[in-house]
């Protein structure tokens, strides 16, 4: 069925919502709603019942398979999506994400080919829509992390950071921070992260970026204060729970607190933008649960 741990009491409201969605005729809108609830298999059930599949349908099928961790089927369907609509920047960006995950999870022999396909898809997404910030971010990350023989490089990353800054000042500072951290220019990285948080004070992700960075520098007290600030900005955000637990476990500290945070996270209502429950469950095992 879904990523839910069990059909306990907390699952009944969500189950009721799912039943309502299925009460009428199967539509793309219903499949999108199920996808937004991380009900990937139920969303696929609707989409696969369509006799004729359009680009948006293939895109959502690919997103569902991506959410399920089946990156091969994700790329297969996203390839169909871009074939159906070659002008769709969003579909190309999702295709890049899926090929990127195939590269990360495949053998050393096949990974370079998938990585190159990921880069090409990201570049096409940015070309089709220069204002697609998500695609610009994904291409930036590729350039920053990939070696030169796979099309990566610091010069390209710098160019993309400038482009990102022209679209979103806070995101541009985040990109500059990533470059500075890569160069081990930690003071500059911190300045950019703090500037990003100042520009967008209500975006909890900015504070989480700073909290993680401070923890990596061994500045645990400052990191904990940043996490406290994040909880004030978004008290109900699963992202805060996961980020703090993940940071504690990586630093080997506050493991009991980390376990409690992960248990809260697993019991939360998640979206496709949140780390999957399976990832939280793996962290629980690392924390000694």
C-alpha atoms as a PDB file:
ATOM      1  CA  UNK A   1       0.000   0.000   0.000  1.00  0.00           C
ATOM      2  CA  UNK A   2       1.840   3.098   1.242  1.00  0.00           C
ATOM      3  CA  UNK A   3       4.792   4.276   3.278  1.00  0.00           C
ATOM      4  CA  UNK A   4       2.752   4.259   6.487  1.00  0.00           C
ATOM      5  CA  UNK A   5       4.253   2.141   9.237  1.00  0.00           C
ATOM      6  CA  UNK A   6       0.912   0.603  10.230  1.00  0.00           C
ATOM      7  CA  UNK A   7      -2.834   1.164  10.176  1.00  0.00           C
ATOM      8  CA  UNK A   8      -2.793   2.515  13.709  1.00  0.00           C
ATOM      9  CA  UNK A   9      -5.198   5.147  15.003  1.00  0.00           C
ATOM     10  CA  UNK A  10      -3.197   8.004  13.507  1.00  0.00           C
ATOM     11  CA  UNK A  11      -3.662   6.501  10.032  1.00  0.00           C
ATOM     12  CA  UNK A  12      -7.470   6.517  10.059  1.00  0.00           C
ATOM     13  CA  UNK A  13      -7.969  10.212   9.151  1.00  0.00           C
ATOM     14  CA  UNK A  14      -5.618   9.786   6.188  1.00  0.00           C
ATOM     15  CA  UNK A  15      -7.299   6.532   5.188  1.00  0.00           C
ATOM     16  CA  UNK A  16     -10.629   8.326   5.250  1.00  0.00           C
ATOM     17  CA  UNK A  17      -9.265  11.019   2.947  1.00  0.00           C
ATOM     18  CA  UNK A  18      -8.027   8.354   0.557  1.00  0.00           C
ATOM     19  CA  UNK A  19     -11.447   6.678   0.501  1.00  0.00           C
ATOM     20  CA  UNK A  20     -13.078  10.006  -0.358  1.00  0.00           C
ATOM     21  CA  UNK A  21     -10.644  10.452  -3.222  1.00  0.00           C
ATOM     22  CA  UNK A  22     -11.537   7.063  -4.630  1.00  0.00           C
ATOM     23  CA  UNK A  23     -15.291   7.670  -4.261  1.00  0.00           C
ATOM     24  CA  UNK A  24     -15.564   9.480  -7.601  1.00  0.00           C
ATOM     25  CA  UNK A  25     -14.176   8.764 -11.033  1.00  0.00           C
ATOM     26  CA  UNK A  26     -10.427   8.388 -11.358  1.00  0.00           C
ATOM     27  CA  UNK A  27      -8.836  11.675 -12.424  1.00  0.00           C
ATOM     28  CA  UNK A  28      -5.366  13.140 -12.707  1.00  0.00           C
ATOM     29  CA  UNK A  29      -6.278  15.549  -9.907  1.00  0.00           C
ATOM     30  CA  UNK A  30      -7.076  12.643  -7.573  1.00  0.00           C
ATOM     31  CA  UNK A  31      -3.784  10.959  -8.470  1.00  0.00           C
ATOM     32  CA  UNK A  32      -1.946  14.209  -7.732  1.00  0.00           C
ATOM     33  CA  UNK A  33      -3.647  14.476  -4.331  1.00  0.00           C
ATOM     34  CA  UNK A  34      -2.637  10.930  -3.453  1.00  0.00           C
ATOM     35  CA  UNK A  35       0.910  11.658  -4.571  1.00  0.00           C
ATOM     36  CA  UNK A  36       0.982  14.726  -2.311  1.00  0.00           C
ATOM     37  CA  UNK A  37       0.055  12.431   0.601  1.00  0.00           C
ATOM     38  CA  UNK A  38       2.935  10.072  -0.376  1.00  0.00           C
ATOM     39  CA  UNK A  39       0.328   7.453  -1.289  1.00  0.00           C
ATOM     40  CA  UNK A  40       2.431   6.483  -4.285  1.00  0.00           C
ATOM     41  CA  UNK A  41       0.974   3.048  -5.013  1.00  0.00           C
ATOM     42  CA  UNK A  42      -2.604   4.339  -4.821  1.00  0.00           C
ATOM     43  CA  UNK A  43      -1.716   7.209  -7.136  1.00  0.00           C
ATOM     44  CA  UNK A  44      -0.149   4.769  -9.589  1.00  0.00           C
ATOM     45  CA  UNK A  45      -3.263   2.603  -9.477  1.00  0.00           C
ATOM     46  CA  UNK A  46      -5.286   5.526 -10.828  1.00  0.00           C
ATOM     47  CA  UNK A  47      -2.714   6.615 -13.408  1.00  0.00           C
ATOM     48  CA  UNK A  48      -2.196   3.140 -14.832  1.00  0.00           C
ATOM     49  CA  UNK A  49      -5.953   2.816 -15.401  1.00  0.00           C
ATOM     50  CA  UNK A  50      -5.892   5.612 -17.983  1.00  0.00           C
ATOM     51  CA  UNK A  51      -6.330   4.268 -21.522  1.00  0.00           C
ATOM     52  CA  UNK A  52      -4.523   7.293 -22.977  1.00  0.00           C
ATOM     53  CA  UNK A  53      -1.542   8.793 -21.199  1.00  0.00           C
ATOM     54  CA  UNK A  54      -0.398  12.379 -21.729  1.00  0.00           C
ATOM     55  CA  UNK A  55       2.874  14.034 -20.747  1.00  0.00           C
ATOM     56  CA  UNK A  56       1.585  15.113 -17.309  1.00  0.00           C
ATOM     57  CA  UNK A  57       0.375  11.569 -16.636  1.00  0.00           C
ATOM     58  CA  UNK A  58       3.750  10.048 -17.506  1.00  0.00           C
ATOM     59  CA  UNK A  59       5.450  12.719 -15.384  1.00  0.00           C
ATOM     60  CA  UNK A  60       3.336  11.874 -12.341  1.00  0.00           C
ATOM     61  CA  UNK A  61       3.877   8.143 -12.885  1.00  0.00           C
ATOM     62  CA  UNK A  62       7.612   8.840 -12.905  1.00  0.00           C
ATOM     63  CA  UNK A  63       7.371  10.932  -9.743  1.00  0.00           C
ATOM     64  CA  UNK A  64       5.494   8.143  -7.978  1.00  0.00           C
ATOM     65  CA  UNK A  65       8.113   5.561  -8.937  1.00  0.00           C
ATOM     66  CA  UNK A  66      10.782   8.015  -7.788  1.00  0.00           C
ATOM     67  CA  UNK A  67       9.022   8.260  -4.425  1.00  0.00           C
ATOM     68  CA  UNK A  68       8.945   4.466  -4.216  1.00  0.00           C
ATOM     69  CA  UNK A  69      12.680   4.281  -4.938  1.00  0.00           C
ATOM     70  CA  UNK A  70      12.238   2.522  -8.309  1.00  0.00           C
ATOM     71  CA  UNK A  71      14.467   4.851 -10.286  1.00  0.00           C
ATOM     72  CA  UNK A  72      14.568   2.647 -13.390  1.00  0.00           C
ATOM     73  CA  UNK A  73      10.798   2.835 -13.863  1.00  0.00           C
ATOM     74  CA  UNK A  74      10.951   6.517 -12.939  1.00  0.00           C
ATOM     75  CA  UNK A  75      13.359   7.296 -15.784  1.00  0.00           C
ATOM     76  CA  UNK A  76      11.421   5.133 -18.233  1.00  0.00           C
ATOM     77  CA  UNK A  77       8.210   7.068 -17.620  1.00  0.00           C
ATOM     78  CA  UNK A  78       9.856  10.467 -17.415  1.00  0.00           C
ATOM     79  CA  UNK A  79      11.498   9.785 -20.782  1.00  0.00           C
ATOM     80  CA  UNK A  80       7.965   9.280 -22.120  1.00  0.00           C
ATOM     81  CA  UNK A  81       6.896  12.529 -20.464  1.00  0.00           C
ATOM     82  CA  UNK A  82       9.571  14.609 -22.199  1.00  0.00           C
ATOM     83  CA  UNK A  83       8.885  12.807 -25.492  1.00  0.00           C
ATOM     84  CA  UNK A  84       5.211  13.757 -25.177  1.00  0.00           C
ATOM     85  CA  UNK A  85       6.075  17.400 -24.406  1.00  0.00           C
ATOM     86  CA  UNK A  86       9.678  18.335 -25.320  1.00  0.00           C
ATOM     87  CA  UNK A  87       9.102  21.904 -24.100  1.00  0.00           C
ATOM     88  CA  UNK A  88       8.326  20.940 -20.474  1.00  0.00           C
ATOM     89  CA  UNK A  89      11.158  22.151 -18.226  1.00  0.00           C
ATOM     90  CA  UNK A  90       9.685  20.482 -15.145  1.00  0.00           C
ATOM     91  CA  UNK A  91       9.608  17.015 -16.732  1.00  0.00           C
ATOM     92  CA  UNK A  92      13.219  17.353 -17.845  1.00  0.00           C
ATOM     93  CA  UNK A  93      14.246  18.359 -14.348  1.00  0.00           C
ATOM     94  CA  UNK A  94      12.514  15.331 -12.840  1.00  0.00           C
ATOM     95  CA  UNK A  95      14.202  13.160 -15.455  1.00  0.00           C
ATOM     96  CA  UNK A  96      17.525  14.573 -14.287  1.00  0.00           C
ATOM     97  CA  UNK A  97      16.699  13.801 -10.665  1.00  0.00           C
ATOM     98  CA  UNK A  98      15.787  10.210 -11.525  1.00  0.00           C
ATOM     99  CA  UNK A  99      18.928   9.613 -13.583  1.00  0.00           C
ATOM    100  CA  UNK A 100      20.939  11.165 -10.768  1.00  0.00           C
ATOM    101  CA  UNK A 101      19.529   8.666  -8.293  1.00  0.00           C
ATOM    102  CA  UNK A 102      20.202   5.825 -10.748  1.00  0.00           C
ATOM    103  CA  UNK A 103      23.810   6.992 -10.907  1.00  0.00           C
ATOM    104  CA  UNK A 104      24.053   7.017  -7.102  1.00  0.00           C
ATOM    105  CA  UNK A 105      22.577   3.535  -6.734  1.00  0.00           C
ATOM    106  CA  UNK A 106      24.148   1.717  -9.704  1.00  0.00           C
ATOM    107  CA  UNK A 107      27.488   0.015 -10.334  1.00  0.00           C
ATOM    108  CA  UNK A 108      30.701   1.945 -11.129  1.00  0.00           C
ATOM    109  CA  UNK A 109      30.381   0.739 -14.708  1.00  0.00           C
ATOM    110  CA  UNK A 110      26.923   2.194 -15.387  1.00  0.00           C
ATOM    111  CA  UNK A 111      26.942   5.185 -13.013  1.00  0.00           C
ATOM    112  CA  UNK A 112      28.897   7.558 -15.315  1.00  0.00           C
ATOM    113  CA  UNK A 113      26.392   7.088 -18.130  1.00  0.00           C
ATOM    114  CA  UNK A 114      23.446   7.821 -15.858  1.00  0.00           C
ATOM    115  CA  UNK A 115      25.251  10.826 -14.381  1.00  0.00           C
ATOM    116  CA  UNK A 116      25.803  12.276 -17.857  1.00  0.00           C
ATOM    117  CA  UNK A 117      22.131  11.791 -18.673  1.00  0.00           C
ATOM    118  CA  UNK A 118      21.238  13.574 -15.442  1.00  0.00           C
ATOM    119  CA  UNK A 119      23.416  16.552 -16.381  1.00  0.00           C
ATOM    120  CA  UNK A 120      21.955  16.724 -19.885  1.00  0.00           C
ATOM    121  CA  UNK A 121      18.403  16.674 -18.507  1.00  0.00           C
ATOM    122  CA  UNK A 122      19.162  19.396 -15.933  1.00  0.00           C
ATOM    123  CA  UNK A 123      20.792  21.556 -18.596  1.00  0.00           C
ATOM    124  CA  UNK A 124      17.789  21.093 -20.894  1.00  0.00           C
ATOM    125  CA  UNK A 125      15.409  22.030 -18.063  1.00  0.00           C
ATOM    126  CA  UNK A 126      17.299  25.286 -17.431  1.00  0.00           C
ATOM    127  CA  UNK A 127      17.515  26.003 -21.145  1.00  0.00           C
ATOM    128  CA  UNK A 128      13.764  25.561 -21.582  1.00  0.00           C
ATOM    129  CA  UNK A 129      12.907  27.729 -18.570  1.00  0.00           C
ATOM    130  CA  UNK A 130      15.741  29.956 -17.292  1.00  0.00           C
ATOM    131  CA  UNK A 131      13.539  30.955 -14.343  1.00  0.00           C
ATOM    132  CA  UNK A 132      13.033  27.381 -13.119  1.00  0.00           C
ATOM    133  CA  UNK A 133      14.776  27.806  -9.768  1.00  0.00           C
ATOM    134  CA  UNK A 134      14.544  24.145  -8.806  1.00  0.00           C
ATOM    135  CA  UNK A 135      16.221  23.105 -12.047  1.00  0.00           C
ATOM    136  CA  UNK A 136      18.898  25.773 -11.585  1.00  0.00           C
ATOM    137  CA  UNK A 137      19.586  24.447  -8.072  1.00  0.00           C
ATOM    138  CA  UNK A 138      19.816  20.850  -9.271  1.00  0.00           C
ATOM    139  CA  UNK A 139      22.184  21.775 -12.093  1.00  0.00           C
ATOM    140  CA  UNK A 140      24.277  23.822  -9.645  1.00  0.00           C
ATOM    141  CA  UNK A 141      24.575  20.828  -7.301  1.00  0.00           C
ATOM    142  CA  UNK A 142      25.594  18.626 -10.212  1.00  0.00           C
ATOM    143  CA  UNK A 143      28.308  21.036 -11.358  1.00  0.00           C
ATOM    144  CA  UNK A 144      29.563  21.435  -7.784  1.00  0.00           C
ATOM    145  CA  UNK A 145      29.771  17.718  -6.973  1.00  0.00           C
ATOM    146  CA  UNK A 146      30.510  15.981 -10.282  1.00  0.00           C
ATOM    147  CA  UNK A 147      34.099  15.579 -11.524  1.00  0.00           C
ATOM    148  CA  UNK A 148      35.242  17.372 -14.654  1.00  0.00           C
ATOM    149  CA  UNK A 149      35.132  14.286 -16.871  1.00  0.00           C
ATOM    150  CA  UNK A 150      31.385  14.057 -16.153  1.00  0.00           C
ATOM    151  CA  UNK A 151      30.781  17.718 -16.940  1.00  0.00           C
ATOM    152  CA  UNK A 152      31.115  19.157 -13.457  1.00  0.00           C
ATOM    153  CA  UNK A 153      33.469  21.887 -12.277  1.00  0.00           C
ATOM    154  CA  UNK A 154      33.804  24.862  -9.972  1.00  0.00           C
ATOM    155  CA  UNK A 155      33.696  27.427 -12.767  1.00  0.00           C
ATOM    156  CA  UNK A 156      30.355  26.089 -13.964  1.00  0.00           C
ATOM    157  CA  UNK A 157      29.096  26.011 -10.377  1.00  0.00           C
ATOM    158  CA  UNK A 158      30.064  29.667  -9.927  1.00  0.00           C
ATOM    159  CA  UNK A 159      28.164  30.619 -13.067  1.00  0.00           C
ATOM    160  CA  UNK A 160      25.064  28.799 -11.869  1.00  0.00           C
ATOM    161  CA  UNK A 161      25.348  30.408  -8.419  1.00  0.00           C
ATOM    162  CA  UNK A 162      25.252  33.827 -10.080  1.00  0.00           C
ATOM    163  CA  UNK A 163      22.193  32.773 -12.084  1.00  0.00           C
ATOM    164  CA  UNK A 164      20.469  31.497  -8.930  1.00  0.00           C
ATOM    165  CA  UNK A 165      21.225  34.776  -7.142  1.00  0.00           C
ATOM    166  CA  UNK A 166      19.532  36.675  -9.981  1.00  0.00           C
ATOM    167  CA  UNK A 167      16.383  34.607  -9.407  1.00  0.00           C
ATOM    168  CA  UNK A 168      16.369  34.470  -5.592  1.00  0.00           C
ATOM    169  CA  UNK A 169      18.766  36.396  -3.351  1.00  0.00           C
ATOM    170  CA  UNK A 170      18.474  34.029  -0.384  1.00  0.00           C
ATOM    171  CA  UNK A 171      18.994  30.966  -2.579  1.00  0.00           C
ATOM    172  CA  UNK A 172      21.957  32.689  -4.203  1.00  0.00           C
ATOM    173  CA  UNK A 173      23.603  33.109  -0.807  1.00  0.00           C
ATOM    174  CA  UNK A 174      22.981  29.428  -0.085  1.00  0.00           C
ATOM    175  CA  UNK A 175      24.727  28.510  -3.342  1.00  0.00           C
ATOM    176  CA  UNK A 176      27.668  30.786  -2.492  1.00  0.00           C
ATOM    177  CA  UNK A 177      27.869  29.135   0.924  1.00  0.00           C
ATOM    178  CA  UNK A 178      28.040  25.688  -0.698  1.00  0.00           C
ATOM    179  CA  UNK A 179      30.918  26.837  -2.905  1.00  0.00           C
ATOM    180  CA  UNK A 180      32.763  28.418   0.025  1.00  0.00           C
ATOM    181  CA  UNK A 181      32.346  25.284   2.134  1.00  0.00           C
ATOM    182  CA  UNK A 182      33.633  23.159  -0.748  1.00  0.00           C
ATOM    183  CA  UNK A 183      36.731  25.375  -0.800  1.00  0.00           C
ATOM    184  CA  UNK A 184      37.018  25.095   3.000  1.00  0.00           C
ATOM    185  CA  UNK A 185      36.396  28.829   3.313  1.00  0.00           C
ATOM    186  CA  UNK A 186      34.214  28.276   6.355  1.00  0.00           C
ATOM    187  CA  UNK A 187      33.975  31.890   7.537  1.00  0.00           C
ATOM    188  CA  UNK A 188      32.667  32.961   4.133  1.00  0.00           C
ATOM    189  CA  UNK A 189      30.241  30.018   4.054  1.00  0.00           C
ATOM    190  CA  UNK A 190      28.814  31.015   7.443  1.00  0.00           C
ATOM    191  CA  UNK A 191      28.395  34.636   6.348  1.00  0.00           C
ATOM    192  CA  UNK A 192      26.418  33.577   3.280  1.00  0.00           C
ATOM    193  CA  UNK A 193      24.197  31.230   5.307  1.00  0.00           C
ATOM    194  CA  UNK A 194      23.463  33.942   7.862  1.00  0.00           C
ATOM    195  CA  UNK A 195      22.722  36.396   5.071  1.00  0.00           C
ATOM    196  CA  UNK A 196      20.308  33.920   3.475  1.00  0.00           C
ATOM    197  CA  UNK A 197      18.471  33.582   6.805  1.00  0.00           C
ATOM    198  CA  UNK A 198      18.297  37.387   7.138  1.00  0.00           C
ATOM    199  CA  UNK A 199      16.854  37.801   3.638  1.00  0.00           C
ATOM    200  CA  UNK A 200      14.225  35.076   4.161  1.00  0.00           C
ATOM    201  CA  UNK A 201      13.570  35.023   7.935  1.00  0.00           C
ATOM    202  CA  UNK A 202      10.373  32.974   7.619  1.00  0.00           C
ATOM    203  CA  UNK A 203      11.893  30.165   5.545  1.00  0.00           C
ATOM    204  CA  UNK A 204      12.750  27.458   8.044  1.00  0.00           C
ATOM    205  CA  UNK A 205      15.126  25.771   5.606  1.00  0.00           C
ATOM    206  CA  UNK A 206      17.510  28.717   5.851  1.00  0.00           C
ATOM    207  CA  UNK A 207      17.864  28.271   9.593  1.00  0.00           C
ATOM    208  CA  UNK A 208      18.245  24.501   9.213  1.00  0.00           C
ATOM    209  CA  UNK A 209      21.073  25.033   6.718  1.00  0.00           C
ATOM    210  CA  UNK A 210      22.853  27.191   9.288  1.00  0.00           C
ATOM    211  CA  UNK A 211      22.195  24.737  12.145  1.00  0.00           C
ATOM    212  CA  UNK A 212      23.668  21.834  10.159  1.00  0.00           C
ATOM    213  CA  UNK A 213      26.692  23.889   9.157  1.00  0.00           C
ATOM    214  CA  UNK A 214      27.440  24.964  12.735  1.00  0.00           C
ATOM    215  CA  UNK A 215      27.192  21.349  13.910  1.00  0.00           C
ATOM    216  CA  UNK A 216      29.702  20.263  11.257  1.00  0.00           C
ATOM    217  CA  UNK A 217      32.054  22.896  12.645  1.00  0.00           C
ATOM    218  CA  UNK A 218      31.683  21.428  16.136  1.00  0.00           C
ATOM    219  CA  UNK A 219      29.802  24.492  17.366  1.00  0.00           C
ATOM    220  CA  UNK A 220      27.066  22.442  18.974  1.00  0.00           C
ATOM    221  CA  UNK A 221      25.619  25.027  21.343  1.00  0.00           C
ATOM    222  CA  UNK A 222      25.118  27.514  18.499  1.00  0.00           C
ATOM    223  CA  UNK A 223      23.676  24.755  16.331  1.00  0.00           C
ATOM    224  CA  UNK A 224      21.162  23.804  19.023  1.00  0.00           C
ATOM    225  CA  UNK A 225      20.072  27.436  19.318  1.00  0.00           C
ATOM    226  CA  UNK A 226      19.532  27.561  15.567  1.00  0.00           C
ATOM    227  CA  UNK A 227      17.350  24.446  15.785  1.00  0.00           C
ATOM    228  CA  UNK A 228      15.338  26.146  18.558  1.00  0.00           C
ATOM    229  CA  UNK A 229      14.802  29.110  16.228  1.00  0.00           C
ATOM    230  CA  UNK A 230      13.690  26.731  13.464  1.00  0.00           C
ATOM    231  CA  UNK A 231      11.090  25.157  15.764  1.00  0.00           C
ATOM    232  CA  UNK A 232       9.705  28.615  16.564  1.00  0.00           C
ATOM    233  CA  UNK A 233       9.406  29.441  12.850  1.00  0.00           C
ATOM    234  CA  UNK A 234       7.725  26.136  11.957  1.00  0.00           C
ATOM    235  CA  UNK A 235       6.571  24.308  15.121  1.00  0.00           C
ATOM    236  CA  UNK A 236       4.822  21.501  13.218  1.00  0.00           C
ATOM    237  CA  UNK A 237       7.390  21.003  10.467  1.00  0.00           C
ATOM    238  CA  UNK A 238       8.588  17.398   9.998  1.00  0.00           C
ATOM    239  CA  UNK A 239      11.671  18.809   8.262  1.00  0.00           C
ATOM    240  CA  UNK A 240      12.864  20.305  11.551  1.00  0.00           C
ATOM    241  CA  UNK A 241      12.415  17.004  13.371  1.00  0.00           C
ATOM    242  CA  UNK A 242      14.347  15.070  10.753  1.00  0.00           C
ATOM    243  CA  UNK A 243      17.142  17.620  10.328  1.00  0.00           C
ATOM    244  CA  UNK A 244      17.833  17.861  14.060  1.00  0.00           C
ATOM    245  CA  UNK A 245      17.752  14.085  14.560  1.00  0.00           C
ATOM    246  CA  UNK A 246      19.999  13.526  11.535  1.00  0.00           C
ATOM    247  CA  UNK A 247      22.472  16.131  12.807  1.00  0.00           C
ATOM    248  CA  UNK A 248      22.581  14.619  16.307  1.00  0.00           C
ATOM    249  CA  UNK A 249      23.208  11.125  14.931  1.00  0.00           C
ATOM    250  CA  UNK A 250      25.944  12.281  12.560  1.00  0.00           C
ATOM    251  CA  UNK A 251      27.691  13.926  15.505  1.00  0.00           C
ATOM    252  CA  UNK A 252      27.086  11.016  17.888  1.00  0.00           C
ATOM    253  CA  UNK A 253      25.319  13.129  20.489  1.00  0.00           C
ATOM    254  CA  UNK A 254      21.883  13.400  22.106  1.00  0.00           C
ATOM    255  CA  UNK A 255      20.949  10.012  20.669  1.00  0.00           C
ATOM    256  CA  UNK A 256      17.946   9.501  22.942  1.00  0.00           C
ATOM    257  CA  UNK A 257      16.554  12.863  21.822  1.00  0.00           C
ATOM    258  CA  UNK A 258      17.296  11.931  18.220  1.00  0.00           C
ATOM    259  CA  UNK A 259      15.297   8.719  18.598  1.00  0.00           C
ATOM    260  CA  UNK A 260      12.302  10.614  19.982  1.00  0.00           C
ATOM    261  CA  UNK A 261      12.485  13.152  17.160  1.00  0.00           C
ATOM    262  CA  UNK A 262      12.563  10.382  14.557  1.00  0.00           C
ATOM    263  CA  UNK A 263       9.598   8.625  16.159  1.00  0.00           C
ATOM    264  CA  UNK A 264       7.664  11.908  15.931  1.00  0.00           C
ATOM    265  CA  UNK A 265       8.775  12.285  12.341  1.00  0.00           C
ATOM    266  CA  UNK A 266       7.617   8.803  11.337  1.00  0.00           C
ATOM    267  CA  UNK A 267       4.209   9.514  12.919  1.00  0.00           C
ATOM    268  CA  UNK A 268       3.868  12.818  11.019  1.00  0.00           C
ATOM    269  CA  UNK A 269       1.987  13.490   7.808  1.00  0.00           C
ATOM    270  CA  UNK A 270       4.713  13.792   5.171  1.00  0.00           C
ATOM    271  CA  UNK A 271       4.900  15.200   1.659  1.00  0.00           C
ATOM    272  CA  UNK A 272       7.080  14.102  -1.273  1.00  0.00           C
ATOM    273  CA  UNK A 273       9.455  16.954  -0.357  1.00  0.00           C
ATOM    274  CA  UNK A 274      10.190  15.329   3.024  1.00  0.00           C
ATOM    275  CA  UNK A 275      12.739  12.522   3.467  1.00  0.00           C
ATOM    276  CA  UNK A 276      10.962   9.158   3.218  1.00  0.00           C
ATOM    277  CA  UNK A 277      10.018   7.269   6.366  1.00  0.00           C
ATOM    278  CA  UNK A 278      12.387   4.492   5.314  1.00  0.00           C
ATOM    279  CA  UNK A 279      15.274   6.929   5.677  1.00  0.00           C
ATOM    280  CA  UNK A 280      14.106   7.879   9.179  1.00  0.00           C
ATOM    281  CA  UNK A 281      13.836   4.196  10.071  1.00  0.00           C
ATOM    282  CA  UNK A 282      17.445   3.641   8.973  1.00  0.00           C
ATOM    283  CA  UNK A 283      18.541   6.543  11.168  1.00  0.00           C
ATOM    284  CA  UNK A 284      16.657   5.013  14.090  1.00  0.00           C
ATOM    285  CA  UNK A 285      18.736   1.862  13.700  1.00  0.00           C
ATOM    286  CA  UNK A 286      21.926   3.933  13.612  1.00  0.00           C
ATOM    287  CA  UNK A 287      20.840   5.616  16.838  1.00  0.00           C
ATOM    288  CA  UNK A 288      20.517   2.228  18.502  1.00  0.00           C
ATOM    289  CA  UNK A 289      16.721   1.943  18.476  1.00  0.00           C
END
